[in-house]
Amino acid sequence: MYTVVSIFIAIISMIAIGLIVWRVVTRREQIDPKFQAKLDADDERARKGREGRGA
């Protein structure tokens, strides 16, 4: 059975991981000017895949 403390630790851990990922992506965007274009292209491919049009 989960305790309040273990749930709190899990939430804090998820927030910490999210912040780390956000900082890494932000730094990568600053270093690589084409990075945002790569992310946008990946989002477009994923959208087409969800809509059944293929990539």
Protein backbone atom coordinates (compact mmCIF):
# COMPACT_ATOMS: atom_id res chain seq x y z
CA MET A 1 0.00 0.00 0.00
CA TYR A 2 1.26 3.42 -0.94
CA THR A 3 1.85 5.99 1.70
CA VAL A 4 1.54 9.72 1.32
CA VAL A 5 5.32 10.05 1.51
CA SER A 6 5.95 7.57 -1.33
CA ILE A 7 3.37 9.29 -3.52
CA PHE A 8 4.96 12.66 -2.74
CA ILE A 9 8.42 11.32 -3.63
CA ALA A 10 7.08 9.91 -6.91
CA ILE A 11 5.53 13.27 -7.84
CA ILE A 12 8.70 15.18 -6.98
CA SER A 13 10.75 12.68 -9.02
CA MET A 14 8.51 13.14 -12.07
CA ILE A 15 8.78 16.93 -11.78
CA ALA A 16 12.57 16.70 -11.50
CA ILE A 17 12.82 14.45 -14.57
CA GLY A 18 10.55 16.82 -16.51
CA LEU A 19 12.69 19.81 -15.61
CA ILE A 20 15.88 18.02 -16.61
CA VAL A 21 14.43 17.02 -19.98
CA TRP A 22 13.11 20.56 -20.55
CA ARG A 23 16.54 22.06 -19.80
CA VAL A 24 18.30 19.60 -22.14
CA VAL A 25 15.88 20.34 -24.99
CA THR A 26 16.18 24.10 -24.41
CA ARG A 27 19.98 23.94 -24.52
CA ARG A 28 19.88 21.77 -27.63
CA GLU A 29 17.60 24.28 -29.36
CA GLN A 30 20.10 27.06 -28.59
CA ILE A 31 23.08 25.07 -29.86
CA ASP A 32 21.49 23.59 -33.00
CA PRO A 33 19.46 26.09 -35.04
CA LYS A 34 17.95 23.25 -37.10
CA PHE A 35 16.77 21.33 -34.02
CA GLN A 36 13.34 23.00 -33.93
CA ALA A 37 12.84 22.20 -37.61
CA LYS A 38 13.71 18.56 -36.86
CA LEU A 39 11.19 18.50 -34.02
CA ASP A 40 8.52 20.07 -36.23
CA ALA A 41 9.17 17.52 -38.99
CA ASP A 42 8.91 14.69 -36.47
CA ASP A 43 5.62 16.09 -35.15
CA GLU A 44 4.28 16.27 -38.71
CA ARG A 45 5.26 12.64 -39.39
CA ALA A 46 3.58 11.57 -36.15
CA ARG A 47 0.43 13.53 -37.00
CA LYS A 48 0.23 11.91 -40.44
CA GLY A 49 0.69 8.50 -38.85
CA ARG A 50 -2.13 9.12 -36.38
CA GLU A 51 -4.43 10.23 -39.18
CA GLY A 52 -3.60 7.15 -41.23
CA ARG A 53 -1.97 8.92 -44.15
CA GLY A 54 1.44 7.31 -43.65
CA ALA A 55 4.75 9.12 -43.44
